[in-house]
Protein backbone atom coordinates (compact mmCIF):
# COMPACT_ATOMS: atom_id res chain seq x y z
CA MET A 1 0.00 0.00 0.00
CA LYS A 2 2.80 2.32 0.88
CA LYS A 3 4.62 1.38 -2.32
CA LYS A 4 1.54 2.16 -4.34
CA GLN A 5 1.14 5.58 -2.69
CA LYS A 6 4.75 6.30 -3.26
CA LYS A 7 4.44 5.35 -6.89
CA ILE A 8 1.44 7.61 -7.30
CA LYS A 9 3.35 10.40 -5.65
CA ASN A 10 6.28 10.00 -8.00
CA GLU A 11 3.98 9.98 -11.00
CA ASN A 12 2.36 13.12 -9.71
CA GLN A 13 5.76 14.72 -9.38
CA LYS A 14 6.64 13.70 -12.88
CA SER A 15 3.38 15.06 -14.07
CA PHE A 16 3.97 18.30 -12.32
CA TYR A 17 7.45 18.66 -13.71
CA PHE A 18 6.31 17.61 -17.16
CA GLU A 19 3.55 20.20 -17.18
CA ASP A 20 5.95 22.73 -15.90
CA TYR A 21 8.35 21.70 -18.59
CA LEU A 22 5.70 22.04 -21.25
CA GLU A 23 4.68 25.41 -19.92
CA THR A 24 8.27 26.49 -19.78
CA ASN A 25 8.89 25.13 -23.24
CA LYS A 26 5.94 27.09 -24.58
CA LYS A 27 7.29 30.24 -22.96
CA ASN A 28 10.78 29.60 -24.33
CA LYS A 29 9.41 29.09 -27.84
CA PHE A 30 7.51 32.34 -27.58
CA SER A 31 10.56 34.03 -26.07
CA LYS A 32 12.74 32.73 -28.87
CA LYS A 33 10.35 34.12 -31.46
CA GLU A 34 10.37 37.47 -29.64
CA ASN A 35 14.15 37.44 -29.38
CA ASN A 36 14.48 36.58 -33.06
CA PHE A 37 12.29 39.54 -33.93
CA GLN A 38 14.36 41.87 -31.73
CA ASP A 39 17.56 40.51 -33.21
CA ARG A 40 16.30 41.34 -36.67
CA ILE A 41 15.47 44.89 -35.58
CA TYR A 42 18.92 45.29 -34.06
CA LEU A 43 20.49 43.84 -37.17
CA LEU A 44 18.66 46.30 -39.40
CA PHE A 45 19.55 49.17 -37.07
CA PHE A 46 23.23 48.33 -37.13
CA PHE A 47 23.08 47.83 -40.90
CA PHE A 48 21.69 51.31 -41.50
CA LEU A 49 24.04 52.79 -38.90
CA SER A 50 26.95 51.20 -40.74
CA LEU A 51 25.73 52.65 -44.02
CA ILE A 52 25.52 56.14 -42.49
CA LEU A 53 28.97 55.75 -40.97
CA ILE A 54 30.47 54.55 -44.24
CA PHE A 55 28.82 57.43 -46.12
CA SER A 56 30.11 59.96 -43.58
CA ILE A 57 33.61 58.55 -43.80
CA LYS A 58 33.44 58.74 -47.59
CA ILE A 59 32.30 62.36 -47.52
CA THR A 60 35.05 63.27 -45.06
CA HIS A 61 37.59 61.45 -47.19
CA LEU A 62 36.49 63.31 -50.29
CA SER A 63 36.69 66.64 -48.51
CA LEU A 64 40.20 65.94 -47.25
CA SER A 65 41.45 63.97 -50.19
CA LYS A 66 44.10 65.42 -52.43
CA THR A 67 42.21 63.96 -55.36
CA PRO A 68 38.85 65.75 -55.54
CA VAL A 69 35.84 64.53 -57.52
CA PHE A 70 35.67 66.31 -60.87
CA ASN A 71 32.79 66.89 -63.25
CA GLN A 72 32.70 66.15 -66.97
CA GLU A 73 34.72 69.28 -67.66
CA ASN A 74 37.47 68.09 -65.31
CA THR A 75 36.65 70.96 -62.93
CA PHE A 76 36.15 70.73 -59.20
CA SER A 77 34.52 73.64 -57.35
CA LYS A 78 36.35 74.57 -54.17
CA PHE A 79 34.66 76.60 -51.42
CA SER A 80 35.99 80.13 -50.92
CA LEU A 81 34.74 83.19 -49.08
CA THR A 82 32.63 85.85 -50.73
CA ARG A 83 34.03 89.34 -50.18
CA ARG A 84 32.96 92.91 -50.89
CA ASP A 85 34.30 94.82 -53.84
CA ILE A 86 36.74 97.56 -52.91
CA VAL A 87 36.55 100.84 -54.86
CA ASP A 88 38.28 104.21 -54.65
CA ARG A 89 36.61 107.47 -53.60
CA LYS A 90 35.15 107.91 -57.10
CA GLY A 91 33.93 104.33 -57.50
CA VAL A 92 36.86 103.03 -59.54
CA LEU A 93 37.29 99.29 -58.93
CA ILE A 94 40.35 98.27 -56.90
CA SER A 95 39.59 94.71 -55.76
CA ARG A 96 36.98 92.08 -56.71
CA ASN A 97 36.28 88.33 -56.52
CA VAL A 98 36.81 86.52 -59.85
CA ASN A 99 36.74 82.89 -61.00
CA SER A 100 40.19 81.36 -60.77
CA TYR A 101 41.68 77.89 -61.03
CA HIS A 102 44.39 75.58 -59.80
CA VAL A 103 45.56 73.15 -62.48
CA ALA A 104 46.52 69.68 -61.23
CA VAL A 105 47.62 66.30 -62.55
CA ILE A 106 46.56 62.74 -61.72
CA PRO A 107 49.61 60.73 -62.91
CA ARG A 108 47.81 57.36 -63.27
CA LEU A 109 45.50 58.93 -65.89
CA ILE A 110 48.40 60.12 -68.07
CA LYS A 111 49.01 57.34 -70.59
CA ASP A 112 52.16 58.73 -72.23
CA LYS A 113 54.29 60.45 -69.61
CA LYS A 114 57.17 61.40 -71.94
CA ASN A 115 54.83 62.96 -74.52
CA PHE A 116 53.04 64.86 -71.76
CA ILE A 117 56.32 66.29 -70.43
CA ILE A 118 57.29 67.37 -73.96
CA LYS A 119 53.98 69.21 -74.42
CA LEU A 120 54.43 70.99 -71.09
CA ARG A 121 57.99 72.01 -71.98
CA LEU A 122 56.86 73.46 -75.33
CA ASN A 123 53.71 75.22 -74.15
CA PHE A 124 54.65 76.21 -70.59
CA PRO A 125 58.42 76.79 -70.46
CA GLU A 126 58.03 78.78 -67.21
CA LEU A 127 57.13 75.58 -65.32
CA GLY A 128 59.83 73.65 -63.46
CA ILE A 129 59.89 70.50 -65.59
CA ALA A 130 62.45 68.70 -63.41
CA GLU A 131 60.26 69.20 -60.35
CA ILE A 132 57.20 68.00 -62.27
CA GLU A 133 59.01 64.81 -63.33
CA GLU A 134 59.96 64.17 -59.71
CA LYS A 135 56.32 64.53 -58.60
CA PHE A 136 55.25 62.23 -61.43
CA ASN A 137 57.41 59.46 -60.04
CA LYS A 138 55.55 59.61 -56.72
CA ASN A 139 52.35 58.84 -58.65
CA LYS A 140 50.26 61.14 -56.47
CA TYR A 141 47.88 63.98 -57.26
CA PHE A 142 49.84 67.24 -57.53
CA TYR A 143 49.48 70.84 -58.74
CA LEU A 144 51.04 72.06 -61.96
CA LYS A 145 50.21 75.70 -61.33
CA LYS A 146 48.01 77.67 -58.95
CA ARG A 147 45.81 80.74 -59.41
CA ILE A 148 45.38 80.77 -63.18
CA ASP A 149 42.70 82.65 -65.11
CA GLN A 150 40.23 81.37 -67.69
CA SER A 151 42.51 81.97 -70.70
CA GLU A 152 45.38 80.02 -69.12
CA LYS A 153 42.98 77.26 -68.13
CA GLU A 154 42.00 76.90 -71.78
CA ARG A 155 45.67 76.58 -72.76
CA PHE A 156 46.11 73.66 -70.36
CA TRP A 157 42.81 72.15 -71.52
CA ALA A 158 44.02 72.30 -75.12
CA LEU A 159 46.74 69.76 -74.29
CA GLY A 160 43.98 67.15 -74.43
CA GLU A 161 45.12 65.13 -71.43
CA LYS A 162 42.53 63.29 -69.35
CA GLY A 163 44.80 63.45 -66.32
CA ILE A 164 44.75 67.27 -66.21
CA LYS A 165 42.19 68.52 -63.71
CA PHE A 166 41.09 71.99 -62.57
CA GLU A 167 40.01 73.30 -59.17
CA SER A 168 37.63 76.25 -59.48
CA PHE A 169 37.44 78.83 -56.71
CA GLN A 170 36.80 82.52 -56.02
CA ALA A 171 40.06 84.46 -56.09
CA ARG A 172 40.77 88.08 -55.29
CA MET A 173 41.80 90.20 -58.24
CA TYR A 174 43.52 93.57 -57.85
CA THR A 175 42.84 95.60 -60.97
CA HIS A 176 45.79 97.96 -60.60
CA ARG A 177 48.45 95.34 -59.78
CA ASN A 178 51.30 97.22 -58.06
CA LEU A 179 49.67 100.64 -57.87
CA PHE A 180 48.43 100.12 -54.31
CA ASN A 181 50.73 98.86 -51.59
CA HIS A 182 50.20 95.31 -50.37
CA ASP A 183 49.88 96.61 -46.81
CA VAL A 184 47.30 99.27 -47.73
CA VAL A 185 44.67 97.57 -49.87
CA GLY A 186 46.04 94.31 -48.55
CA GLN A 187 45.89 90.70 -49.67
CA VAL A 188 43.96 87.48 -49.05
CA ASP A 189 45.15 83.90 -48.58
CA TYR A 190 44.21 80.94 -50.80
CA ASP A 191 40.91 80.61 -48.92
CA ASN A 192 40.04 84.24 -49.70
CA TYR A 193 40.52 85.33 -46.09
CA GLY A 194 42.11 88.75 -45.58
CA ILE A 195 45.65 88.63 -44.22
CA SER A 196 46.75 92.26 -44.47
CA GLY A 197 45.63 95.84 -45.04
CA ILE A 198 42.02 96.76 -45.79
CA GLU A 199 41.32 93.15 -46.85
CA LYS A 200 41.97 92.05 -43.28
CA TYR A 201 39.91 94.96 -41.95
CA ILE A 202 36.78 93.78 -43.81
CA ASN A 203 37.02 90.18 -42.56
CA ARG A 204 34.60 91.26 -39.82
CA GLU A 205 31.98 92.06 -42.45
CA ILE A 206 32.02 88.72 -44.28
CA LYS A 207 28.89 87.46 -42.49
CA ASN A 208 26.98 90.70 -43.11
CA LYS A 209 24.95 89.94 -46.28
CA LYS A 210 23.75 93.54 -46.63
CA LYS A 211 27.30 94.91 -46.74
CA LEU A 212 28.43 92.21 -49.18
CA LYS A 213 26.05 93.65 -51.77
CA GLU A 214 27.66 97.10 -51.77
CA PRO A 215 31.35 97.94 -52.36
CA LEU A 216 33.61 99.35 -49.69
CA LYS A 217 34.56 102.88 -50.71
CA LEU A 218 38.07 104.05 -49.80
CA THR A 219 39.37 107.60 -49.50
CA LEU A 220 42.08 106.84 -52.08
CA ASP A 221 42.02 108.41 -55.55
CA THR A 222 43.33 106.09 -58.27
CA ASN A 223 44.37 108.88 -60.66
CA ILE A 224 46.30 110.77 -57.99
CA GLN A 225 47.82 107.53 -56.73
CA TYR A 226 49.11 106.83 -60.24
CA ILE A 227 50.69 110.27 -60.67
CA ILE A 228 52.40 110.25 -57.28
CA SER A 229 53.61 106.68 -57.71
CA LYS A 230 55.04 107.50 -61.15
CA GLU A 231 56.85 110.63 -59.95
CA LEU A 232 58.23 108.86 -56.88
CA ASN A 233 59.47 105.97 -59.01
CA GLU A 234 61.27 108.37 -61.32
CA ALA A 235 62.78 110.16 -58.32
CA ILE A 236 64.14 106.90 -56.90
CA THR A 237 65.87 106.31 -60.23
CA THR A 238 67.05 109.92 -60.57
CA PHE A 239 68.58 110.07 -57.09
CA ARG A 240 69.55 106.37 -56.87
CA ALA A 241 67.49 105.99 -53.68
CA THR A 242 66.78 102.59 -52.12
CA GLY A 243 63.12 103.45 -51.62
CA GLY A 244 60.62 106.17 -50.95
CA GLY A 245 57.19 107.05 -49.68
CA ALA A 246 54.52 109.67 -50.28
CA LEU A 247 51.25 110.62 -48.62
CA LEU A 248 48.50 113.03 -49.65
CA MET A 249 45.76 113.67 -47.13
CA ASP A 250 42.93 116.09 -46.57
CA THR A 251 44.24 118.64 -44.09
CA ASN A 252 40.86 119.10 -42.45
CA ASN A 253 39.28 115.65 -42.18
CA GLY A 254 42.20 113.21 -42.47
CA ASP A 255 41.05 111.44 -45.66
CA ILE A 256 44.07 109.79 -47.29
CA LEU A 257 43.88 110.44 -51.04
CA SER A 258 47.15 108.71 -51.85
CA LEU A 259 49.57 106.46 -49.99
CA VAL A 260 52.62 105.22 -51.87
CA SER A 261 55.48 103.08 -50.58
CA LEU A 262 58.25 101.95 -52.92
CA PRO A 263 59.56 99.53 -53.98
CA ASN A 264 56.30 97.68 -54.50
CA PHE A 265 55.18 94.58 -56.37
CA ASN A 266 52.19 93.07 -58.20
CA ILE A 267 49.92 91.98 -55.35
CA ASN A 268 48.16 89.52 -57.69
CA LYS A 269 51.34 87.44 -57.82
CA ARG A 270 52.65 87.08 -54.27
CA LEU A 271 50.97 86.55 -50.94
CA THR A 272 53.58 87.17 -48.27
CA ILE A 273 56.53 89.50 -48.30
CA LYS A 274 59.03 89.52 -45.46
CA ASP A 275 61.78 91.53 -47.14
CA LYS A 276 62.38 94.82 -45.30
CA LYS A 277 62.40 96.81 -48.53
CA TYR A 278 58.67 96.10 -49.01
CA THR A 279 57.73 97.58 -45.61
CA ASN A 280 55.03 100.23 -45.78
CA LYS A 281 57.38 103.16 -45.20
CA VAL A 282 54.63 105.69 -44.57
CA THR A 283 52.59 103.84 -41.94
CA LYS A 284 54.98 101.24 -40.56
CA GLY A 285 58.38 102.83 -41.07
CA VAL A 286 59.79 104.51 -37.96
CA TYR A 287 62.35 107.24 -38.65
CA GLU A 288 64.15 110.24 -37.31
CA LEU A 289 62.73 112.90 -39.63
CA GLY A 290 65.02 115.81 -38.81
CA SER A 291 64.20 119.48 -39.28
CA ILE A 292 60.47 119.08 -39.84
CA PHE A 293 60.32 119.22 -36.01
CA LYS A 294 61.51 122.84 -36.06
CA THR A 295 57.99 123.82 -37.10
CA PHE A 296 56.69 122.37 -33.83
CA THR A 297 59.34 124.28 -31.85
CA ILE A 298 58.41 127.58 -33.50
CA ALA A 299 54.67 126.93 -33.10
CA LEU A 300 55.08 126.14 -29.40
CA ALA A 301 57.15 129.29 -28.80
CA LEU A 302 54.49 131.39 -30.52
CA GLU A 303 51.62 129.62 -28.73
CA ASN A 304 53.15 130.43 -25.34
CA ASP A 305 53.60 134.12 -26.29
CA LEU A 306 57.33 133.89 -25.79
CA VAL A 307 58.06 135.45 -29.18
CA THR A 308 56.49 136.82 -32.34
CA PRO A 309 57.58 136.00 -35.90
CA GLU A 310 59.46 139.31 -35.95
CA THR A 311 61.28 138.81 -32.64
CA ILE A 312 65.05 139.04 -33.21
CA ILE A 313 67.23 136.42 -31.54
CA GLU A 314 70.59 138.14 -31.22
CA ASP A 315 74.12 136.77 -31.23
CA ILE A 316 73.26 133.27 -32.35
CA PRO A 317 76.49 131.25 -32.13
CA ARG A 318 77.78 129.12 -34.99
CA SER A 319 77.52 126.08 -32.73
CA LEU A 320 76.44 124.96 -29.27
CA LYS A 321 77.79 122.26 -26.99
CA CYS A 322 75.56 120.08 -24.84
CA SER A 323 77.41 117.45 -22.81
CA ILE A 324 79.52 115.62 -25.39
CA HIS A 325 77.31 116.71 -28.29
CA LYS A 326 78.09 119.57 -30.64
CA ILE A 327 75.10 121.25 -32.29
CA SER A 328 75.80 123.40 -35.33
CA ASP A 329 74.20 124.70 -38.52
CA MET A 330 74.95 123.24 -41.92
CA LYS A 331 75.21 126.71 -43.45
CA GLU A 332 76.55 129.88 -41.94
CA HIS A 333 73.69 132.22 -41.04
CA PRO A 334 73.63 135.86 -39.87
CA LYS A 335 74.21 136.20 -36.13
CA ASN A 336 70.89 137.95 -35.66
CA LEU A 337 67.85 136.10 -36.94
CA SER A 338 64.14 136.67 -36.48
CA VAL A 339 62.01 133.75 -35.26
CA GLU A 340 60.57 133.55 -38.74
CA GLU A 341 64.03 133.38 -40.32
CA ILE A 342 65.10 130.58 -37.95
CA LEU A 343 62.47 128.36 -39.60
CA VAL A 344 62.94 129.72 -43.13
CA ARG A 345 66.72 129.17 -43.04
CA SER A 346 66.36 126.00 -40.91
CA SER A 347 68.77 126.98 -38.14
CA ASN A 348 69.51 124.17 -35.67
CA VAL A 349 71.12 126.51 -33.14
CA GLY A 350 68.27 129.01 -33.33
CA SER A 351 65.74 126.22 -32.72
CA VAL A 352 67.65 125.05 -29.64
CA ILE A 353 67.61 128.58 -28.20
CA LEU A 354 63.81 128.74 -28.65
CA ALA A 355 63.34 125.28 -27.11
CA LYS A 356 65.23 126.38 -23.99
CA MET A 357 62.92 129.38 -23.73
CA ILE A 358 59.91 127.00 -23.86
CA GLY A 359 61.33 124.60 -21.27
CA GLU A 360 61.33 120.81 -21.07
CA LYS A 361 58.00 120.51 -19.21
CA LYS A 362 55.92 122.30 -21.85
CA PHE A 363 57.83 120.67 -24.69
CA ARG A 364 57.22 117.19 -23.29
CA GLU A 365 53.53 117.94 -22.83
CA PHE A 366 53.25 119.15 -26.42
CA ILE A 367 54.98 116.05 -27.83
CA LYS A 368 52.63 113.86 -25.80
CA ASN A 369 49.54 115.67 -27.10
CA THR A 370 50.63 115.26 -30.73
CA ASN A 371 50.63 111.42 -30.50
CA LEU A 372 53.94 111.44 -32.39
CA LEU A 373 55.25 108.72 -30.10
CA SER A 374 52.17 106.50 -30.53
CA SER A 375 51.27 104.07 -33.29
CA PRO A 376 48.99 105.66 -35.88
CA GLU A 377 45.27 104.98 -35.48
CA LEU A 378 44.35 103.57 -38.85
CA GLU A 379 42.10 100.85 -40.33
CA ILE A 380 45.10 98.71 -41.19
CA GLU A 381 47.30 96.85 -38.70
CA GLU A 382 50.56 97.59 -40.52
CA VAL A 383 51.62 100.57 -38.41
CA GLY A 384 54.90 101.35 -36.69
CA ILE A 385 55.73 101.83 -33.02
CA PRO A 386 58.03 104.85 -32.39
CA HIS A 387 60.90 104.46 -29.94
CA LYS A 388 60.36 105.64 -26.38
CA ILE A 389 62.17 108.82 -25.39
CA LYS A 390 64.57 108.92 -22.48
CA TRP A 391 64.61 112.56 -21.41
CA ASN A 392 68.26 112.99 -20.54
CA LYS A 393 70.33 116.16 -20.25
CA CYS A 394 70.41 117.01 -23.98
CA LYS A 395 67.14 115.51 -25.20
CA LEU A 396 65.29 118.86 -25.29
CA GLU A 397 68.07 120.41 -27.38
CA THR A 398 68.18 117.61 -29.96
CA ILE A 399 64.41 117.23 -30.29
CA ALA A 400 64.17 120.98 -30.96
CA PHE A 401 65.61 120.36 -34.43
CA GLY A 402 64.29 116.81 -34.94
CA HIS A 403 67.08 114.54 -33.79
CA GLY A 404 66.88 111.91 -31.05
CA ILE A 405 63.17 111.35 -31.65
CA THR A 406 61.41 108.96 -34.02
CA THR A 407 57.92 108.71 -35.45
CA THR A 408 56.11 107.42 -38.53
CA PRO A 409 55.72 109.66 -41.59
CA LEU A 410 51.94 109.28 -41.24
CA GLN A 411 51.99 110.68 -37.70
CA ALA A 412 54.23 113.55 -38.75
CA ALA A 413 51.89 114.46 -41.62
CA SER A 414 48.89 114.31 -39.26
CA VAL A 415 50.53 116.80 -36.87
CA TYR A 416 51.38 119.12 -39.78
CA SER A 417 47.71 118.99 -40.78
CA ALA A 418 46.78 120.01 -37.24
CA ILE A 419 49.32 122.82 -37.21
CA SER A 420 47.87 124.14 -40.48
CA ASN A 421 44.10 123.56 -40.13
CA GLY A 422 43.53 125.80 -37.14
CA GLY A 423 45.11 123.56 -34.53
CA LYS A 424 42.77 120.53 -34.56
CA LEU A 425 44.45 117.12 -34.44
CA ILE A 426 42.80 114.76 -36.91
CA SER A 427 42.63 111.00 -37.27
CA PRO A 428 43.81 109.80 -40.68
CA SER A 429 41.52 107.34 -42.48
CA LEU A 430 41.43 105.07 -45.53
CA ILE A 431 37.65 104.45 -45.34
CA LYS A 432 35.35 107.02 -46.95
CA ASN A 433 32.75 108.63 -44.66
CA ARG A 434 34.03 106.82 -41.59
CA LYS A 435 32.93 108.26 -38.23
CA ARG A 436 35.72 110.31 -36.65
CA VAL A 437 36.74 110.71 -33.05
CA GLU A 438 36.34 114.20 -31.60
CA ASN A 439 39.49 116.17 -32.30
CA LYS A 440 41.63 117.83 -29.64
CA SER A 441 43.34 121.18 -30.05
CA LEU A 442 47.13 121.48 -30.27
CA ILE A 443 47.45 125.20 -30.93
CA SER A 444 45.17 128.21 -31.41
CA LYS A 445 43.77 129.36 -34.74
CA GLU A 446 45.92 132.50 -34.51
CA THR A 447 49.13 130.51 -34.09
CA SER A 448 48.08 128.18 -36.90
CA LYS A 449 47.54 131.10 -39.27
CA THR A 450 50.92 132.58 -38.35
CA ILE A 451 52.72 129.26 -38.91
CA ASN A 452 51.10 128.87 -42.34
CA GLY A 453 52.51 132.23 -43.34
CA ILE A 454 56.02 131.23 -42.24
CA LEU A 455 55.77 127.84 -43.99
CA ARG A 456 54.83 129.70 -47.14
CA LYS A 457 58.06 131.75 -46.88
CA VAL A 458 60.12 128.55 -46.47
CA VAL A 459 59.02 127.81 -50.05
CA SER A 460 58.72 131.29 -51.59
CA SER A 461 61.67 133.12 -50.00
CA LYS A 462 65.09 133.15 -51.69
CA ASN A 463 66.60 132.07 -48.36
CA GLY A 464 64.10 129.26 -47.88
CA THR A 465 65.10 125.58 -48.05
CA ALA A 466 62.15 124.45 -50.19
CA TYR A 467 61.99 126.84 -53.15
CA PHE A 468 61.85 124.02 -55.76
CA ALA A 469 58.29 123.31 -54.54
CA ASP A 470 57.15 126.84 -55.36
CA MET A 471 54.66 125.94 -58.11
CA SER A 472 53.03 129.04 -59.52
CA GLY A 473 49.41 129.46 -58.48
CA TYR A 474 49.29 126.80 -55.74
CA TYR A 475 50.54 128.79 -52.75
CA VAL A 476 52.63 125.94 -51.35
CA GLY A 477 54.19 126.03 -47.89
CA GLY A 478 56.22 123.40 -46.07
CA LYS A 479 59.34 122.32 -44.22
CA THR A 480 62.30 120.15 -45.11
CA GLY A 481 63.92 117.47 -42.96
CA THR A 482 67.21 115.62 -43.40
CA ALA A 483 68.30 112.90 -40.98
CA GLU A 484 71.19 110.43 -40.92
CA GLY A 485 69.45 107.49 -39.27
CA TYR A 486 68.62 106.49 -35.71
CA GLY A 487 70.07 103.71 -33.55
CA ASN A 488 70.83 100.64 -35.64
CA ASN A 489 69.03 102.12 -38.61
CA LYS A 490 71.67 104.00 -40.62
CA ASP A 491 69.41 104.90 -43.53
CA ARG A 492 69.47 108.50 -44.66
CA ILE A 493 65.95 109.92 -44.75
CA ASN A 494 65.17 113.11 -46.69
CA THR A 495 61.64 114.42 -46.08
CA PHE A 496 59.50 117.32 -47.18
CA ILE A 497 56.05 117.99 -45.70
CA SER A 498 53.99 120.62 -47.47
CA VAL A 499 50.52 122.16 -47.09
CA PHE A 500 48.59 124.01 -49.78
CA PRO A 501 47.13 126.52 -50.22
CA THR A 502 48.65 128.10 -47.10
CA ASN A 503 46.03 130.87 -46.96
CA LYS A 504 43.34 128.20 -46.52
CA PRO A 505 44.96 124.76 -46.24
CA LYS A 506 43.21 121.87 -47.97
CA TYR A 507 45.91 119.26 -48.54
CA THR A 508 48.99 117.94 -46.78
CA LEU A 509 51.66 116.25 -48.91
CA LEU A 510 54.60 114.27 -47.54
CA VAL A 511 57.44 113.09 -49.78
CA MET A 512 60.25 110.95 -48.40
CA LEU A 513 63.34 109.45 -50.05
CA GLU A 514 65.41 106.69 -48.49
CA ASN A 515 69.19 106.91 -49.02
CA PRO A 516 69.14 109.35 -51.97
CA GLN A 517 72.35 110.37 -53.70
CA ILE A 518 73.42 113.63 -55.37
CA ASN A 519 72.66 113.56 -59.07
CA LYS A 520 75.59 115.46 -60.57
CA ASP A 521 74.00 115.49 -64.02
CA LEU A 522 70.65 116.94 -62.97
CA ILE A 523 70.13 120.60 -63.92
CA TYR A 524 67.70 122.43 -61.66
CA ASP A 525 65.70 125.26 -63.19
CA TYR A 526 64.17 127.68 -60.70
CA ARG A 527 62.49 130.69 -62.28
CA GLY A 528 65.04 130.83 -65.04
CA ILE A 529 68.07 130.21 -62.81
CA LYS A 530 69.85 126.95 -63.67
CA THR A 531 72.11 125.18 -61.21
CA LYS A 532 73.41 121.79 -59.98
CA ALA A 533 72.93 120.27 -56.51
CA PRO A 534 75.71 121.15 -54.05
CA TYR A 535 74.19 119.14 -51.16
CA ASN A 536 72.41 115.86 -50.55
CA THR A 537 69.63 117.40 -48.50
CA SER A 538 65.86 117.19 -48.84
CA GLY A 539 65.76 120.64 -50.42
CA TRP A 540 67.62 119.20 -53.41
CA ASN A 541 65.62 116.01 -53.90
CA SER A 542 62.41 115.52 -51.85
CA VAL A 543 61.33 119.12 -52.41
CA TYR A 544 62.09 118.81 -56.13
CA VAL A 545 59.83 115.72 -56.34
CA ALA A 546 57.04 117.34 -54.32
CA GLY A 547 56.99 120.33 -56.68
CA LYS A 548 56.55 118.06 -59.70
CA ILE A 549 53.75 116.17 -57.93
CA ILE A 550 51.83 119.29 -56.90
CA GLU A 551 52.07 120.72 -60.39
CA LYS A 552 50.41 117.59 -61.84
CA ILE A 553 47.80 116.78 -59.20
CA GLY A 554 46.67 120.38 -58.77
CA PRO A 555 44.25 120.32 -61.74
CA ILE A 556 42.82 116.96 -60.63
CA LEU A 557 42.11 118.37 -57.19
CA ALA A 558 40.13 121.11 -58.95
CA ILE A 559 41.97 123.84 -57.15
CA ASN A 560 40.89 127.40 -57.86
CA ASN A 561 44.05 129.07 -59.09
CA ASP A 562 42.86 132.49 -58.01
CA GLU A 563 42.58 131.24 -54.48
CA PHE A 564 46.21 130.18 -54.53
CA THR A 565 47.74 133.23 -56.13
CA ASP A 566 50.71 134.46 -54.14
CA GLN A 567 50.82 138.17 -54.77
CA TYR A 568 54.25 138.51 -53.16
CA VAL A 569 55.83 136.03 -55.54
CA VAL A 570 53.97 137.37 -58.56
CA GLU A 571 55.11 140.92 -57.90
CA LYS A 572 58.67 139.83 -57.14
CA PHE A 573 59.24 137.90 -60.32
CA ASN A 574 57.17 139.86 -62.83
């Protein structure tokens, strides 16, 4: 009986486990079906994810690959930035985006290498064939030539080689080549991003779609720029100078009508220039400019009511000694000179005497207010940093006649504009109609008017140092400056800064020559008197150039000749 019960119990256990097994088996089958379904979903997900990943990798590879995908015309379009046109003050085009190309070669697609090299040698002798052959051997995609125009592209296309490919992009074209300095208008890199000058200045406007539609108007005048550049180039040849610079600006608002720095180069051809000779001499060059500082000394003495133009400084010595320094005049002058004559004759000793009357404190304050020792505030970054002044025992004496102090020609011209326009210091600008900072006053209107009269006599008087700039009808005034270099810079700098017309100044012109030489064959003709140069001073070269420039740009500036008539000169020479 017990055995039977036990047997029944075991069967019941088996039954229980069997049913449980069946139930579990049913669940497992269902679970397996569910898992299979999920696996399929996961499989599809990973499949599509893999496709996306592969596609992304392919796109990235194509973007970074040295072998781009070309169309049927063998041309690949490369992304480049859209930029505004740049025009001069009258709307004349200076810079614009144009279609340009890089021409490249895929070696594996060139069937006959030797024949291809022969065709290149015959049609493009300027290419480095040896270098091309070397690149061929590497069997990798390489450039034959970069930045070519449509006509040159067609010449390469005419070779009929399947392996020649073209990359199309937007390049910057400068219509006047070397007329505008590479640091003024500026340049862009291969991606069309501004790297210097005005081009770098307008990088900030690239995202502004409204501004992209209208050109950026500069203060520069293309016609005047051409004339000044041509005359300065001829002067460099005539006087065997190593370089030169010129600046024409509006005396009253600071607009720069012309800015020339030579030597220059075709900015369509080269991107970066590190050679010192290509430095923007007007904005970035830092020089000791010599006697042009005497005008500041005279103006400060007049402003402080220490003297009048007619005040006689008696017993002026031939030379002065300050510490170990000897200060003397280049020419022998009368012992008694008026304040006016000290500037007209350019007396170093006379200027020192006036500076001592002014005193170091007032002189230092004036120099600070002029910003002569600061970098010019301009739209371009290519500006110089003048050397700091250490006010030692003789610094006042040397600065009085322009030695021992450096500045940029642009800053010097700006101060001359202030001295001549009624005393208001102006901010120079290359952008037309740009908002200006409120001007501060350097001197009074009365002093300014008096200085203009004296500057006029520097040019018109027979004893003046700038009589070769006395162009009939233009009422030119100005001051010469000759310096032998400063510190490690041993370059000779001859400068002339002029304003015209001096009765109502409108324009300030600076002309500077670097390391000029005496031209023994040049015959100077001044109002019928012919002579040769006895000295290598600015009066015999920079002034001569400025006179030729003023004579030619005067009509373009639409100057009223009656307004410029100098009655004194007319009466004297008629």
